[in-house]
């Protein structure tokens, strides 16, 4: 997801950016997606494991999944009235065989420009 594609102006893995301050902490926000690998994708990944190197089908799946979780995180933040998400992180886990949950989460806040 390019910077221009973001729905919310600031999503960071750290505190408020320089020149801003937190006007109000709204609370936790998140975006979740659950993805499964297809039988064909799993078979292709297995073949790539034999020869070594990057498993491109799984890399694409991971990238698409994270982008979807990020888009949903941004939508959730906007829905609760935030203009930024601070402390953003990803988490993932297997729900059942060949099915993964990817979560993007952080703290929804309202930022304002710091008074000079």
Protein backbone atom coordinates (compact mmCIF):
# COMPACT_ATOMS: atom_id res chain seq x y z
CA UNK A 1 0.00 0.00 0.00
CA UNK A 2 1.64 3.28 -1.05
CA UNK A 3 1.59 6.36 1.16
CA UNK A 4 -0.89 8.02 -1.22
CA UNK A 5 -3.31 5.13 -0.78
CA UNK A 6 -3.67 5.57 2.98
CA UNK A 7 -7.09 6.61 4.24
CA UNK A 8 -5.74 8.20 7.43
CA UNK A 9 -2.86 10.70 7.40
CA UNK A 10 -0.63 9.20 10.10
CA UNK A 11 -0.10 5.56 10.99
CA UNK A 12 3.12 5.04 12.92
CA UNK A 13 4.85 2.39 14.99
CA UNK A 14 5.99 5.08 17.43
CA UNK A 15 4.64 8.11 19.31
CA UNK A 16 3.12 11.25 17.82
CA UNK A 17 5.30 12.70 15.02
CA UNK A 18 7.36 15.84 15.63
CA UNK A 19 5.30 19.01 15.53
CA UNK A 20 2.14 17.29 16.75
CA UNK A 21 0.65 16.44 20.09
CA UNK A 22 -2.08 14.11 21.22
CA UNK A 23 -5.31 16.03 21.70
CA UNK A 24 -7.28 12.94 22.71
CA UNK A 25 -6.68 9.21 23.05
CA UNK A 26 -9.69 7.43 21.59
CA UNK A 27 -8.62 3.86 22.30
CA UNK A 28 -7.62 0.63 20.64
CA UNK A 29 -8.38 0.05 16.98
CA UNK A 30 -7.72 -2.91 14.72
CA UNK A 31 -8.14 -4.47 11.34
CA UNK A 32 -8.45 -8.22 10.92
CA UNK A 33 -8.37 -10.55 7.95
CA UNK A 34 -8.40 -14.33 7.83
CA UNK A 35 -6.85 -15.95 4.79
CA UNK A 36 -6.43 -19.51 3.64
CA UNK A 37 -3.91 -20.97 1.26
CA UNK A 38 -5.38 -22.75 -1.72
CA UNK A 39 -4.51 -26.37 -2.41
CA UNK A 40 -2.73 -25.29 -5.60
CA UNK A 41 -0.81 -22.56 -3.74
CA UNK A 42 0.19 -24.97 -1.02
CA UNK A 43 1.38 -27.51 -3.63
CA UNK A 44 3.39 -24.85 -5.49
CA UNK A 45 4.91 -23.66 -2.21
CA UNK A 46 5.89 -27.25 -1.46
CA UNK A 47 7.65 -27.51 -4.82
CA UNK A 48 9.54 -24.26 -4.19
CA UNK A 49 10.69 -25.58 -0.80
CA UNK A 50 12.45 -28.45 -2.54
CA UNK A 51 14.60 -26.09 -4.61
CA UNK A 52 15.03 -23.41 -1.95
CA UNK A 53 14.64 -19.66 -2.23
CA UNK A 54 11.68 -17.41 -1.72
CA UNK A 55 8.22 -18.97 -1.79
CA UNK A 56 6.68 -16.24 -3.93
CA UNK A 57 3.06 -17.45 -3.67
CA UNK A 58 3.20 -17.21 0.12
CA UNK A 59 5.02 -13.86 0.00
CA UNK A 60 2.21 -12.45 -2.15
CA UNK A 61 -0.41 -13.89 0.22
CA UNK A 62 1.34 -12.37 3.25
CA UNK A 63 1.66 -8.98 1.53
CA UNK A 64 -1.99 -8.94 0.42
CA UNK A 65 -3.14 -10.02 3.89
CA UNK A 66 -1.17 -7.28 5.67
CA UNK A 67 -2.44 -4.66 3.23
CA UNK A 68 -6.03 -5.77 3.87
CA UNK A 69 -5.52 -5.69 7.65
CA UNK A 70 -3.98 -2.18 7.36
CA UNK A 71 -6.88 -0.90 5.25
CA UNK A 72 -9.34 -2.23 7.82
CA UNK A 73 -7.31 -0.71 10.67
CA UNK A 74 -7.49 2.68 8.98
CA UNK A 75 -11.23 2.33 8.36
CA UNK A 76 -11.82 1.42 12.00
CA UNK A 77 -9.73 4.39 13.19
CA UNK A 78 -11.69 6.79 10.99
CA UNK A 79 -14.99 5.28 12.16
CA UNK A 80 -14.11 6.03 15.81
CA UNK A 81 -13.08 9.61 14.98
CA UNK A 82 -9.29 9.31 14.87
CA UNK A 83 -6.95 11.16 12.56
CA UNK A 84 -3.94 8.99 13.46
CA UNK A 85 -2.97 5.56 14.74
CA UNK A 86 0.05 5.32 17.04
CA UNK A 87 1.99 2.25 18.13
CA UNK A 88 0.77 0.22 15.15
CA UNK A 89 1.74 -3.45 15.15
CA UNK A 90 0.96 -6.65 13.29
CA UNK A 91 0.14 -10.01 14.82
CA UNK A 92 -0.75 -13.28 13.17
CA UNK A 93 -1.64 -16.78 14.10
CA UNK A 94 -2.92 -19.99 12.64
CA UNK A 95 -6.62 -20.58 13.25
CA UNK A 96 -6.81 -23.98 11.64
CA UNK A 97 -4.74 -25.86 9.11
CA UNK A 98 -3.82 -23.56 6.18
CA UNK A 99 -5.80 -20.65 7.67
CA UNK A 100 -4.12 -17.59 9.19
CA UNK A 101 -5.48 -14.57 11.01
CA UNK A 102 -3.60 -11.31 10.47
CA UNK A 103 -4.32 -8.38 12.78
CA UNK A 104 -3.07 -4.81 12.45
CA UNK A 105 -3.67 -2.88 15.67
CA UNK A 106 -2.73 0.31 17.45
CA UNK A 107 -4.07 3.23 19.43
CA UNK A 108 -6.54 5.55 17.71
CA UNK A 109 -5.86 9.19 18.60
CA UNK A 110 -6.80 12.68 17.59
CA UNK A 111 -3.64 14.70 16.87
CA UNK A 112 -3.25 18.44 16.57
CA UNK A 113 -0.38 20.69 15.57
CA UNK A 114 1.79 21.62 18.53
CA UNK A 115 1.38 25.26 19.57
CA UNK A 116 4.50 27.32 18.80
